[in-house]
Amino acid sequence: MLDQLLDIVKNYGKDTVVENPEIPNEQNQEVLADATKTITSGFQNVLAGGGLQNILDLFKGGDKSSGNSGGISGLTKNPMVSMMVGYFISKLVSKYKMSPTSASSVANNLIPNVLNGIITETNNPQNAGFTLDGLIGSLTGGSGNGGGSQLQDILDQFTGGGGNSSGNNSGGFDLQDLIGNFTRKAQDSFQNKDQGSGGGLMDMIKGFLSK
């Protein structure tokens, strides 16, 4: 699942990062890796804080052109996305010594476009291998594949025009139980990361990008 996410980052990062004269070529992969880590860590933090519902809301809103304010403009107004953009701006300024203006331009272009690409693929019935369950599973220490399709089924109901975000029993699923389950998994994943080799995910991201 991570390799599919990185394909999206590389796709949108071509113009924003690779072709950007303000970013030295030798830093391209590192910047793209940090962008990916910003997104994955952002989702992990939200999950660990019990915010699965917020992620569901992000994904159900991003795909619909009717009703919900989807697309890039809707994403840029989302607090979760703003958090990721702000973090990435800080990273570009502190680590890569970019000017705040240039860093803001890169972050505000790359992060929302990548997220929009992720949401589009997740809601694309032609791409059965890219599901919300797979994405969340890969962020909580799972295989990125197992655990059924509860989240995707709920998301499909939302994006199909039915249901409300307050429904606790969409399609027979207890959403509160799912939230509790994924919250615990995300917290356990953070604990394991703290106790183990710190840079595991970042090393994995760089490995995929170097292919």
N, C-alpha and C. Protein backbone atom coordinates (compact mmCIF):
# COMPACT_ATOMS: atom_id res chain seq x y z
N MET A 1 0.83 -1.21 0.00
CA MET A 1 0.00 0.00 0.00
C MET A 1 0.86 1.26 0.00
N LEU A 2 1.99 1.18 0.72
CA LEU A 2 2.88 2.33 0.79
C LEU A 2 3.45 2.68 -0.58
N ASP A 3 3.73 1.66 -1.41
CA ASP A 3 4.29 1.95 -2.72
C ASP A 3 3.28 2.67 -3.60
N GLN A 4 1.99 2.36 -3.44
CA GLN A 4 0.96 3.06 -4.21
C GLN A 4 0.85 4.52 -3.76
N LEU A 5 0.96 4.74 -2.45
CA LEU A 5 0.95 6.09 -1.92
C LEU A 5 2.14 6.88 -2.46
N LEU A 6 3.29 6.25 -2.50
CA LEU A 6 4.49 6.93 -2.98
C LEU A 6 4.42 7.23 -4.47
N ASP A 7 3.74 6.36 -5.23
CA ASP A 7 3.54 6.66 -6.65
C ASP A 7 2.77 7.96 -6.82
N ILE A 8 1.77 8.18 -5.96
CA ILE A 8 0.99 9.42 -6.02
C ILE A 8 1.87 10.61 -5.64
N VAL A 9 2.69 10.44 -4.59
CA VAL A 9 3.58 11.53 -4.17
C VAL A 9 4.56 11.87 -5.29
N LYS A 10 5.15 10.85 -5.92
CA LYS A 10 6.11 11.09 -7.00
C LYS A 10 5.43 11.77 -8.20
N ASN A 11 4.19 11.37 -8.48
CA ASN A 11 3.46 11.94 -9.60
C ASN A 11 3.24 13.44 -9.41
N TYR A 12 2.72 13.81 -8.23
CA TYR A 12 2.44 15.23 -7.97
C TYR A 12 3.70 16.01 -7.59
N GLY A 13 4.74 15.29 -7.18
CA GLY A 13 5.98 15.97 -6.80
C GLY A 13 6.88 16.30 -7.97
N LYS A 14 6.55 15.80 -9.15
CA LYS A 14 7.42 16.04 -10.31
C LYS A 14 7.56 17.54 -10.58
N ASP A 15 6.43 18.23 -10.71
CA ASP A 15 6.48 19.66 -10.99
C ASP A 15 6.84 20.47 -9.74
N THR A 16 6.25 20.06 -8.60
CA THR A 16 6.41 20.85 -7.38
C THR A 16 7.79 20.74 -6.77
N VAL A 17 8.41 19.58 -6.88
CA VAL A 17 9.70 19.34 -6.22
C VAL A 17 10.82 19.10 -7.24
N VAL A 18 10.66 18.06 -8.05
CA VAL A 18 11.73 17.65 -8.95
C VAL A 18 12.11 18.75 -9.94
N GLU A 19 11.11 19.44 -10.49
CA GLU A 19 11.37 20.50 -11.47
C GLU A 19 11.52 21.88 -10.82
N ASN A 20 11.53 21.90 -9.52
CA ASN A 20 11.63 23.17 -8.79
C ASN A 20 13.11 23.59 -8.67
N PRO A 21 13.48 24.72 -9.30
CA PRO A 21 14.90 25.13 -9.26
C PRO A 21 15.38 25.51 -7.86
N GLU A 22 14.45 25.74 -6.94
CA GLU A 22 14.85 26.11 -5.58
C GLU A 22 15.20 24.90 -4.72
N ILE A 23 14.93 23.70 -5.26
CA ILE A 23 15.26 22.47 -4.52
C ILE A 23 16.36 21.74 -5.28
N PRO A 24 17.56 21.65 -4.72
CA PRO A 24 18.66 20.94 -5.39
C PRO A 24 18.28 19.51 -5.73
N ASN A 25 18.74 19.03 -6.88
CA ASN A 25 18.37 17.68 -7.33
C ASN A 25 18.70 16.61 -6.31
N GLU A 26 19.82 16.80 -5.59
CA GLU A 26 20.22 15.77 -4.63
C GLU A 26 19.29 15.72 -3.42
N GLN A 27 18.41 16.71 -3.29
CA GLN A 27 17.46 16.73 -2.17
C GLN A 27 16.05 16.29 -2.57
N ASN A 28 15.85 16.02 -3.87
CA ASN A 28 14.49 15.72 -4.34
C ASN A 28 13.86 14.55 -3.61
N GLN A 29 14.58 13.42 -3.54
CA GLN A 29 14.01 12.23 -2.91
C GLN A 29 13.77 12.45 -1.42
N GLU A 30 14.68 13.18 -0.78
CA GLU A 30 14.53 13.44 0.65
C GLU A 30 13.29 14.29 0.91
N VAL A 31 13.06 15.30 0.06
CA VAL A 31 11.89 16.17 0.23
C VAL A 31 10.61 15.37 0.01
N LEU A 32 10.60 14.53 -1.04
CA LEU A 32 9.41 13.71 -1.31
C LEU A 32 9.17 12.71 -0.18
N ALA A 33 10.25 12.17 0.39
CA ALA A 33 10.11 11.26 1.53
C ALA A 33 9.52 11.98 2.73
N ASP A 34 9.98 13.22 2.97
CA ASP A 34 9.44 13.99 4.09
C ASP A 34 7.98 14.35 3.86
N ALA A 35 7.60 14.61 2.61
CA ALA A 35 6.19 14.89 2.30
C ALA A 35 5.33 13.67 2.60
N THR A 36 5.83 12.51 2.20
CA THR A 36 5.10 11.26 2.47
C THR A 36 4.98 11.01 3.97
N LYS A 37 6.10 11.20 4.67
CA LYS A 37 6.10 10.99 6.12
C LYS A 37 5.16 11.98 6.81
N THR A 38 5.09 13.21 6.30
CA THR A 38 4.17 14.21 6.87
C THR A 38 2.73 13.72 6.79
N ILE A 39 2.36 13.14 5.65
CA ILE A 39 0.99 12.67 5.45
C ILE A 39 0.71 11.43 6.30
N THR A 40 1.62 10.45 6.25
CA THR A 40 1.38 9.22 7.01
C THR A 40 1.37 9.49 8.51
N SER A 41 2.31 10.32 8.98
CA SER A 41 2.35 10.64 10.41
C SER A 41 1.14 11.45 10.83
N GLY A 42 0.68 12.32 9.93
CA GLY A 42 -0.52 13.11 10.22
C GLY A 42 -1.72 12.22 10.44
N PHE A 43 -1.91 11.24 9.55
CA PHE A 43 -3.01 10.29 9.71
C PHE A 43 -2.83 9.46 10.98
N GLN A 44 -1.60 9.03 11.24
CA GLN A 44 -1.35 8.22 12.44
C GLN A 44 -1.69 8.99 13.71
N ASN A 45 -1.31 10.25 13.76
CA ASN A 45 -1.61 11.08 14.93
C ASN A 45 -3.12 11.23 15.12
N VAL A 46 -3.83 11.45 14.02
CA VAL A 46 -5.29 11.60 14.10
C VAL A 46 -5.92 10.30 14.58
N LEU A 47 -5.45 9.17 14.04
CA LEU A 47 -5.98 7.87 14.44
C LEU A 47 -5.72 7.60 15.92
N ALA A 48 -4.49 7.88 16.36
CA ALA A 48 -4.12 7.62 17.76
C ALA A 48 -4.93 8.49 18.71
N GLY A 49 -5.41 9.63 18.22
CA GLY A 49 -6.23 10.52 19.05
C GLY A 49 -7.72 10.22 18.95
N GLY A 50 -8.06 9.10 18.31
CA GLY A 50 -9.47 8.71 18.19
C GLY A 50 -10.20 9.42 17.07
N GLY A 51 -9.46 9.89 16.06
CA GLY A 51 -10.06 10.70 15.01
C GLY A 51 -10.38 9.97 13.72
N LEU A 52 -10.68 8.67 13.81
CA LEU A 52 -11.04 7.92 12.60
C LEU A 52 -12.22 8.57 11.89
N GLN A 53 -13.18 9.06 12.66
CA GLN A 53 -14.36 9.71 12.05
C GLN A 53 -13.94 10.91 11.20
N ASN A 54 -12.93 11.66 11.66
CA ASN A 54 -12.45 12.81 10.91
C ASN A 54 -11.85 12.39 9.57
N ILE A 55 -11.15 11.25 9.59
CA ILE A 55 -10.58 10.74 8.34
C ILE A 55 -11.68 10.28 7.41
N LEU A 56 -12.68 9.60 7.95
CA LEU A 56 -13.83 9.19 7.12
C LEU A 56 -14.50 10.41 6.50
N ASP A 57 -14.66 11.47 7.30
CA ASP A 57 -15.29 12.69 6.79
C ASP A 57 -14.45 13.30 5.67
N LEU A 58 -13.13 13.26 5.83
CA LEU A 58 -12.23 13.80 4.81
C LEU A 58 -12.40 13.03 3.50
N PHE A 59 -12.46 11.70 3.60
CA PHE A 59 -12.53 10.87 2.40
C PHE A 59 -13.91 10.90 1.75
N LYS A 60 -14.95 11.00 2.54
CA LYS A 60 -16.28 11.03 1.92
C LYS A 60 -16.55 12.40 1.32
N GLY A 61 -15.94 13.46 1.87
CA GLY A 61 -16.16 14.79 1.32
C GLY A 61 -15.34 15.07 0.10
N GLY A 62 -14.17 14.45 0.01
CA GLY A 62 -13.27 14.77 -1.09
C GLY A 62 -13.71 14.24 -2.42
N ASP A 63 -14.57 13.22 -2.42
CA ASP A 63 -14.89 12.59 -3.69
C ASP A 63 -16.18 13.12 -4.32
N LYS A 64 -17.01 13.78 -3.54
CA LYS A 64 -18.33 14.12 -4.06
C LYS A 64 -18.36 15.55 -4.58
N SER A 65 -18.82 15.69 -5.81
CA SER A 65 -18.97 17.02 -6.38
C SER A 65 -20.33 17.61 -6.02
N SER A 66 -21.21 16.76 -5.52
CA SER A 66 -22.53 17.26 -5.12
C SER A 66 -22.58 17.42 -3.62
N GLY A 67 -23.11 18.50 -3.16
CA GLY A 67 -23.28 18.70 -1.72
C GLY A 67 -22.01 19.11 -1.04
N ASN A 68 -21.17 18.15 -0.69
CA ASN A 68 -19.95 18.44 0.05
C ASN A 68 -18.95 19.21 -0.80
N SER A 69 -18.19 20.08 -0.14
CA SER A 69 -17.17 20.85 -0.86
C SER A 69 -15.94 20.00 -1.01
N GLY A 70 -15.86 19.24 -2.13
CA GLY A 70 -14.74 18.36 -2.36
C GLY A 70 -13.65 19.04 -3.15
N GLY A 71 -12.73 18.22 -3.65
CA GLY A 71 -11.65 18.76 -4.45
C GLY A 71 -10.62 19.49 -3.62
N ILE A 72 -9.68 20.13 -4.33
CA ILE A 72 -8.57 20.80 -3.67
C ILE A 72 -9.05 21.93 -2.77
N SER A 73 -10.01 22.72 -3.24
CA SER A 73 -10.46 23.86 -2.44
C SER A 73 -11.08 23.41 -1.13
N GLY A 74 -11.80 22.29 -1.15
CA GLY A 74 -12.37 21.77 0.08
C GLY A 74 -11.31 21.23 1.02
N LEU A 75 -10.29 20.60 0.44
CA LEU A 75 -9.22 20.02 1.26
C LEU A 75 -8.42 21.10 1.99
N THR A 76 -8.15 22.20 1.30
CA THR A 76 -7.32 23.25 1.91
C THR A 76 -8.00 23.88 3.12
N LYS A 77 -9.32 23.71 3.24
CA LYS A 77 -10.05 24.27 4.38
C LYS A 77 -10.16 23.27 5.53
N ASN A 78 -9.70 22.05 5.30
CA ASN A 78 -9.83 21.01 6.32
C ASN A 78 -8.73 21.16 7.36
N PRO A 79 -9.07 21.19 8.66
CA PRO A 79 -8.06 21.38 9.71
C PRO A 79 -6.96 20.33 9.69
N MET A 80 -7.30 19.09 9.34
CA MET A 80 -6.31 18.03 9.29
C MET A 80 -5.27 18.30 8.19
N VAL A 81 -5.77 18.76 7.04
CA VAL A 81 -4.88 19.07 5.93
C VAL A 81 -4.03 20.29 6.26
N SER A 82 -4.65 21.29 6.89
CA SER A 82 -3.90 22.49 7.30
C SER A 82 -2.77 22.14 8.25
N MET A 83 -3.03 21.18 9.14
CA MET A 83 -2.00 20.72 10.07
C MET A 83 -0.82 20.12 9.32
N MET A 84 -1.12 19.27 8.34
CA MET A 84 -0.06 18.63 7.56
C MET A 84 0.73 19.67 6.76
N VAL A 85 0.02 20.60 6.13
CA VAL A 85 0.68 21.64 5.34
C VAL A 85 1.59 22.48 6.22
N GLY A 86 1.09 22.88 7.38
CA GLY A 86 1.88 23.70 8.30
C GLY A 86 3.12 22.98 8.78
N TYR A 87 2.98 21.68 9.07
CA TYR A 87 4.14 20.90 9.52
C TYR A 87 5.18 20.81 8.40
N PHE A 88 4.72 20.58 7.17
CA PHE A 88 5.64 20.42 6.05
C PHE A 88 6.35 21.74 5.72
N ILE A 89 5.64 22.86 5.86
CA ILE A 89 6.28 24.16 5.68
C ILE A 89 7.43 24.32 6.67
N SER A 90 7.17 24.00 7.93
CA SER A 90 8.20 24.10 8.97
C SER A 90 9.39 23.21 8.64
N LYS A 91 9.12 22.00 8.14
CA LYS A 91 10.18 21.07 7.78
C LYS A 91 11.03 21.62 6.64
N LEU A 92 10.37 22.18 5.63
CA LEU A 92 11.11 22.72 4.47
C LEU A 92 11.98 23.92 4.87
N VAL A 93 11.46 24.73 5.79
CA VAL A 93 12.22 25.91 6.22
C VAL A 93 13.40 25.51 7.11
N SER A 94 13.14 24.63 8.08
CA SER A 94 14.18 24.29 9.06
C SER A 94 15.22 23.32 8.51
N LYS A 95 14.78 22.31 7.77
CA LYS A 95 15.70 21.27 7.30
C LYS A 95 16.36 21.62 5.98
N TYR A 96 15.59 22.25 5.07
CA TYR A 96 16.11 22.50 3.72
C TYR A 96 16.42 23.97 3.47
N LYS A 97 16.23 24.79 4.51
CA LYS A 97 16.59 26.21 4.46
C LYS A 97 15.89 26.97 3.33
N MET A 98 14.66 26.55 3.03
CA MET A 98 13.87 27.27 2.03
C MET A 98 13.28 28.52 2.67
N SER A 99 13.00 29.51 1.85
CA SER A 99 12.33 30.70 2.36
C SER A 99 10.89 30.33 2.73
N PRO A 100 10.29 31.00 3.71
CA PRO A 100 8.90 30.68 4.08
C PRO A 100 7.94 30.78 2.90
N THR A 101 8.17 31.74 2.00
CA THR A 101 7.29 31.90 0.84
C THR A 101 7.39 30.69 -0.09
N SER A 102 8.62 30.26 -0.39
CA SER A 102 8.80 29.11 -1.27
C SER A 102 8.30 27.83 -0.61
N ALA A 103 8.59 27.69 0.67
CA ALA A 103 8.14 26.50 1.40
C ALA A 103 6.62 26.42 1.42
N SER A 104 5.98 27.56 1.62
CA SER A 104 4.51 27.59 1.63
C SER A 104 3.95 27.21 0.28
N SER A 105 4.59 27.68 -0.80
CA SER A 105 4.13 27.36 -2.14
C SER A 105 4.23 25.86 -2.42
N VAL A 106 5.36 25.26 -2.04
CA VAL A 106 5.55 23.82 -2.25
C VAL A 106 4.55 23.02 -1.43
N ALA A 107 4.43 23.34 -0.14
CA ALA A 107 3.57 22.56 0.76
C ALA A 107 2.10 22.69 0.38
N ASN A 108 1.66 23.91 0.07
CA ASN A 108 0.25 24.13 -0.27
C ASN A 108 -0.12 23.57 -1.63
N ASN A 109 0.87 23.28 -2.45
CA ASN A 109 0.61 22.64 -3.73
C ASN A 109 0.66 21.12 -3.58
N LEU A 110 1.73 20.63 -2.96
CA LEU A 110 1.97 19.19 -2.94
C LEU A 110 1.02 18.43 -2.01
N ILE A 111 0.89 18.85 -0.76
CA ILE A 111 0.12 18.07 0.22
C ILE A 111 -1.36 17.92 -0.18
N PRO A 112 -2.08 19.02 -0.49
CA PRO A 112 -3.49 18.85 -0.88
C PRO A 112 -3.66 18.03 -2.15
N ASN A 113 -2.74 18.19 -3.14
CA ASN A 113 -2.86 17.43 -4.38
C ASN A 113 -2.64 15.94 -4.14
N VAL A 114 -1.67 15.61 -3.30
CA VAL A 114 -1.43 14.19 -2.98
C VAL A 114 -2.64 13.61 -2.25
N LEU A 115 -3.17 14.33 -1.28
CA LEU A 115 -4.34 13.85 -0.54
C LEU A 115 -5.53 13.69 -1.47
N ASN A 116 -5.71 14.62 -2.38
CA ASN A 116 -6.81 14.51 -3.34
C ASN A 116 -6.63 13.27 -4.22
N GLY A 117 -5.36 13.00 -4.59
CA GLY A 117 -5.08 11.80 -5.37
C GLY A 117 -5.38 10.53 -4.60
N ILE A 118 -5.03 10.52 -3.31
CA ILE A 118 -5.31 9.36 -2.45
C ILE A 118 -6.81 9.14 -2.34
N ILE A 119 -7.55 10.22 -2.10
CA ILE A 119 -9.00 10.12 -1.96
C ILE A 119 -9.64 9.64 -3.26
N THR A 120 -9.16 10.18 -4.38
CA THR A 120 -9.71 9.78 -5.68
C THR A 120 -9.50 8.29 -5.93
N GLU A 121 -8.28 7.79 -5.64
CA GLU A 121 -8.00 6.37 -5.85
C GLU A 121 -8.79 5.49 -4.90
N THR A 122 -8.95 5.95 -3.66
CA THR A 122 -9.71 5.17 -2.68
C THR A 122 -11.17 5.04 -3.09
N ASN A 123 -11.69 6.07 -3.74
CA ASN A 123 -13.09 6.05 -4.16
C ASN A 123 -13.28 5.56 -5.60
N ASN A 124 -12.19 5.06 -6.19
CA ASN A 124 -12.24 4.58 -7.57
C ASN A 124 -12.54 3.09 -7.59
N PRO A 125 -13.74 2.69 -8.03
CA PRO A 125 -14.09 1.26 -8.03
C PRO A 125 -13.22 0.44 -8.97
N GLN A 126 -12.56 1.10 -9.92
CA GLN A 126 -11.69 0.38 -10.84
C GLN A 126 -10.36 -0.01 -10.19
N ASN A 127 -10.04 0.60 -9.05
CA ASN A 127 -8.78 0.30 -8.36
C ASN A 127 -9.09 -0.43 -7.06
N ALA A 128 -9.38 -1.72 -7.19
CA ALA A 128 -9.80 -2.51 -6.03
C ALA A 128 -8.68 -2.69 -5.02
N GLY A 129 -7.43 -2.48 -5.44
CA GLY A 129 -6.32 -2.68 -4.53
C GLY A 129 -6.01 -1.47 -3.66
N PHE A 130 -6.71 -0.37 -3.91
CA PHE A 130 -6.46 0.85 -3.13
C PHE A 130 -7.72 1.15 -2.33
N THR A 131 -7.74 0.71 -1.08
CA THR A 131 -8.92 0.88 -0.23
C THR A 131 -8.56 1.64 1.03
N LEU A 132 -9.57 2.20 1.66
CA LEU A 132 -9.35 2.90 2.92
C LEU A 132 -8.86 1.94 3.98
N ASP A 133 -9.37 0.70 3.97
CA ASP A 133 -8.91 -0.30 4.94
C ASP A 133 -7.42 -0.59 4.74
N GLY A 134 -7.00 -0.69 3.48
CA GLY A 134 -5.60 -0.95 3.20
C GLY A 134 -4.72 0.19 3.65
N LEU A 135 -5.18 1.41 3.40
CA LEU A 135 -4.41 2.60 3.80
C LEU A 135 -4.29 2.67 5.32
N ILE A 136 -5.42 2.56 6.02
CA ILE A 136 -5.40 2.64 7.48
C ILE A 136 -4.62 1.48 8.08
N GLY A 137 -4.77 0.29 7.49
CA GLY A 137 -4.04 -0.87 7.98
C GLY A 137 -2.54 -0.67 7.88
N SER A 138 -2.07 -0.07 6.79
CA SER A 138 -0.64 0.15 6.62
C SER A 138 -0.11 1.20 7.59
N LEU A 139 -0.99 2.06 8.10
CA LEU A 139 -0.59 3.10 9.04
C LEU A 139 -0.65 2.64 10.49
N THR A 140 -1.29 1.50 10.73
CA THR A 140 -1.45 1.03 12.10
C THR A 140 -0.71 -0.28 12.34
N GLY A 141 0.29 -0.53 11.51
CA GLY A 141 1.13 -1.70 11.73
C GLY A 141 0.61 -2.97 11.12
N GLY A 142 -0.48 -2.88 10.34
CA GLY A 142 -1.01 -4.07 9.68
C GLY A 142 -0.36 -4.28 8.33
N SER A 143 -0.87 -5.25 7.61
CA SER A 143 -0.30 -5.56 6.30
C SER A 143 -0.73 -4.56 5.25
N GLY A 144 -1.75 -3.75 5.58
CA GLY A 144 -2.29 -2.85 4.58
C GLY A 144 -3.29 -3.54 3.70
N ASN A 145 -3.63 -4.79 4.05
CA ASN A 145 -4.51 -5.55 3.20
C ASN A 145 -5.59 -6.27 3.98
N GLY A 146 -5.23 -6.69 5.20
CA GLY A 146 -6.16 -7.51 5.96
C GLY A 146 -7.21 -6.72 6.68
N GLY A 147 -8.01 -7.43 7.46
CA GLY A 147 -8.99 -6.77 8.29
C GLY A 147 -10.31 -6.49 7.63
N GLY A 148 -10.53 -7.13 6.47
CA GLY A 148 -11.82 -6.94 5.83
C GLY A 148 -11.93 -5.60 5.14
N SER A 149 -13.18 -5.21 4.88
CA SER A 149 -13.42 -3.97 4.14
C SER A 149 -14.46 -3.11 4.84
N GLN A 150 -14.46 -3.12 6.17
CA GLN A 150 -15.48 -2.38 6.90
C GLN A 150 -15.46 -0.89 6.57
N LEU A 151 -14.26 -0.30 6.61
CA LEU A 151 -14.16 1.13 6.37
C LEU A 151 -14.54 1.47 4.94
N GLN A 152 -14.07 0.66 3.99
CA GLN A 152 -14.40 0.93 2.59
C GLN A 152 -15.90 0.81 2.36
N ASP A 153 -16.53 -0.18 3.02
CA ASP A 153 -17.97 -0.34 2.87
C ASP A 153 -18.72 0.87 3.42
N ILE A 154 -18.26 1.37 4.58
CA ILE A 154 -18.88 2.56 5.15
C ILE A 154 -18.66 3.75 4.23
N LEU A 155 -17.44 3.88 3.73
CA LEU A 155 -17.12 4.99 2.83
C LEU A 155 -17.96 4.93 1.57
N ASP A 156 -18.15 3.73 1.03
CA ASP A 156 -18.96 3.58 -0.18
C ASP A 156 -20.40 4.02 0.07
N GLN A 157 -20.91 3.75 1.27
CA GLN A 157 -22.26 4.21 1.60
C GLN A 157 -22.33 5.72 1.65
N PHE A 158 -21.29 6.32 2.27
CA PHE A 158 -21.26 7.79 2.35
C PHE A 158 -21.17 8.40 0.96
N THR A 159 -20.22 7.94 0.15
CA THR A 159 -19.99 8.56 -1.15
C THR A 159 -21.07 8.20 -2.14
N GLY A 160 -21.88 7.17 -1.78
CA GLY A 160 -23.00 6.82 -2.63
C GLY A 160 -24.21 7.69 -2.36
N GLY A 161 -24.09 8.61 -1.42
CA GLY A 161 -25.17 9.56 -1.16
C GLY A 161 -26.03 9.20 0.02
N GLY A 162 -25.82 8.01 0.61
CA GLY A 162 -26.64 7.64 1.75
C GLY A 162 -25.96 7.97 3.06
N GLY A 163 -26.67 7.78 4.12
CA GLY A 163 -26.07 7.85 5.46
C GLY A 163 -25.64 9.23 5.87
N ASN A 164 -25.43 9.34 7.17
CA ASN A 164 -24.95 10.58 7.76
C ASN A 164 -23.77 10.23 8.63
N SER A 165 -22.87 11.17 8.85
CA SER A 165 -21.67 10.87 9.63
C SER A 165 -22.01 10.49 11.06
N SER A 166 -23.23 10.73 11.49
CA SER A 166 -23.58 10.39 12.87
C SER A 166 -24.05 8.95 13.02
N GLY A 167 -24.19 8.24 11.90
CA GLY A 167 -24.70 6.88 11.98
C GLY A 167 -23.71 5.94 12.61
N ASN A 168 -24.08 5.31 13.72
CA ASN A 168 -23.18 4.41 14.42
C ASN A 168 -23.26 2.99 13.89
N ASN A 169 -24.24 2.71 13.05
CA ASN A 169 -24.45 1.32 12.66
C ASN A 169 -24.63 1.22 11.16
N SER A 170 -23.78 1.90 10.40
CA SER A 170 -23.89 1.88 8.95
C SER A 170 -23.63 0.48 8.43
N GLY A 171 -24.61 -0.04 7.70
CA GLY A 171 -24.43 -1.35 7.07
C GLY A 171 -24.15 -2.46 8.07
N GLY A 172 -24.60 -2.33 9.29
CA GLY A 172 -24.39 -3.38 10.29
C GLY A 172 -23.09 -3.26 11.04
N PHE A 173 -22.28 -2.24 10.75
CA PHE A 173 -21.02 -2.06 11.45
C PHE A 173 -21.21 -1.09 12.61
N ASP A 174 -20.59 -1.40 13.73
CA ASP A 174 -20.60 -0.47 14.85
C ASP A 174 -19.39 0.45 14.69
N LEU A 175 -19.65 1.67 14.24
CA LEU A 175 -18.57 2.60 13.93
C LEU A 175 -17.75 2.92 15.17
N GLN A 176 -18.41 3.03 16.33
CA GLN A 176 -17.68 3.33 17.56
C GLN A 176 -16.69 2.23 17.90
N ASP A 177 -17.08 0.98 17.67
CA ASP A 177 -16.16 -0.13 17.91
C ASP A 177 -14.97 -0.06 16.96
N LEU A 178 -15.25 0.27 15.70
CA LEU A 178 -14.17 0.40 14.72
C LEU A 178 -13.21 1.51 15.11
N ILE A 179 -13.77 2.64 15.54
CA ILE A 179 -12.94 3.78 15.95
C ILE A 179 -12.04 3.36 17.11
N GLY A 180 -12.63 2.70 18.11
CA GLY A 180 -11.85 2.24 19.26
C GLY A 180 -10.77 1.26 18.86
N ASN A 181 -11.10 0.36 17.93
CA ASN A 181 -10.14 -0.65 17.48
C ASN A 181 -8.95 0.00 16.77
N PHE A 182 -9.22 0.91 15.84
CA PHE A 182 -8.14 1.55 15.10
C PHE A 182 -7.36 2.53 15.96
N THR A 183 -8.02 3.13 16.94
CA THR A 183 -7.31 4.01 17.88
C THR A 183 -6.27 3.22 18.66
N ARG A 184 -6.67 2.05 19.16
CA ARG A 184 -5.74 1.21 19.91
C ARG A 184 -4.58 0.74 19.03
N LYS A 185 -4.89 0.36 17.79
CA LYS A 185 -3.84 -0.09 16.88
C LYS A 185 -2.83 1.02 16.60
N ALA A 186 -3.34 2.24 16.39
CA ALA A 186 -2.45 3.36 16.11
C ALA A 186 -1.59 3.68 17.32
N GLN A 187 -2.17 3.63 18.51
CA GLN A 187 -1.41 3.90 19.73
C GLN A 187 -0.35 2.83 19.94
N ASP A 188 -0.70 1.56 19.69
CA ASP A 188 0.27 0.48 19.81
C ASP A 188 1.40 0.64 18.80
N SER A 189 1.04 1.09 17.60
CA SER A 189 2.05 1.30 16.56
C SER A 189 3.05 2.37 16.99
N PHE A 190 2.55 3.45 17.61
CA PHE A 190 3.42 4.51 18.10
C PHE A 190 4.33 3.99 19.22
N GLN A 191 3.77 3.17 20.12
CA GLN A 191 4.57 2.64 21.23
C GLN A 191 5.68 1.74 20.72
N ASN A 192 5.35 0.90 19.73
CA ASN A 192 6.35 0.01 19.16
C ASN A 192 7.45 0.79 18.46
N LYS A 193 7.05 1.89 17.80
CA LYS A 193 8.03 2.72 17.10
C LYS A 193 8.98 3.38 18.10
N ASP A 194 8.41 3.82 19.24
CA ASP A 194 9.24 4.46 20.26
C ASP A 194 10.23 3.48 20.88
N GLN A 195 9.82 2.22 21.00
CA GLN A 195 10.67 1.23 21.64
C GLN A 195 11.66 0.61 20.67
N GLY A 196 11.33 0.69 19.38
CA GLY A 196 12.18 0.03 18.40
C GLY A 196 13.08 0.99 17.66
N SER A 197 13.40 0.62 16.43
CA SER A 197 14.30 1.45 15.62
C SER A 197 13.52 2.60 15.04
N GLY A 198 13.82 3.79 15.48
CA GLY A 198 13.03 4.98 15.19
C GLY A 198 12.72 5.25 13.75
N GLY A 199 13.69 5.13 12.83
CA GLY A 199 13.49 5.62 11.47
C GLY A 199 12.95 4.60 10.51
N GLY A 200 12.29 3.54 11.00
CA GLY A 200 11.85 2.46 10.13
C GLY A 200 11.01 2.90 8.96
N LEU A 201 9.94 3.65 9.21
CA LEU A 201 9.04 4.07 8.15
C LEU A 201 9.76 4.98 7.16
N MET A 202 10.55 5.91 7.67
CA MET A 202 11.27 6.83 6.80
C MET A 202 12.25 6.07 5.91
N ASP A 203 12.93 5.08 6.46
CA ASP A 203 13.86 4.26 5.68
C ASP A 203 13.11 3.50 4.58
N MET A 204 11.93 2.98 4.93
CA MET A 204 11.12 2.26 3.96
C MET A 204 10.68 3.18 2.83
N ILE A 205 10.26 4.40 3.18
CA ILE A 205 9.82 5.38 2.19
C ILE A 205 10.96 5.70 1.23
N LYS A 206 12.15 5.95 1.79
CA LYS A 206 13.31 6.27 0.94
C LYS A 206 13.66 5.08 0.03
N GLY A 207 13.48 3.87 0.56
CA GLY A 207 13.76 2.68 -0.26
C GLY A 207 12.84 2.59 -1.46
N PHE A 208 11.56 2.87 -1.26
CA PHE A 208 10.61 2.86 -2.38
C PHE A 208 10.94 3.96 -3.38
N LEU A 209 11.29 5.15 -2.89
CA LEU A 209 11.55 6.28 -3.78
C LEU A 209 12.80 6.07 -4.62
N SER A 210 13.74 5.29 -4.12
CA SER A 210 14.98 5.09 -4.86
C SER A 210 14.86 4.06 -5.96
N LYS A 211 13.70 3.39 -6.05
CA LYS A 211 13.51 2.35 -7.07
C LYS A 211 13.34 3.00 -8.44
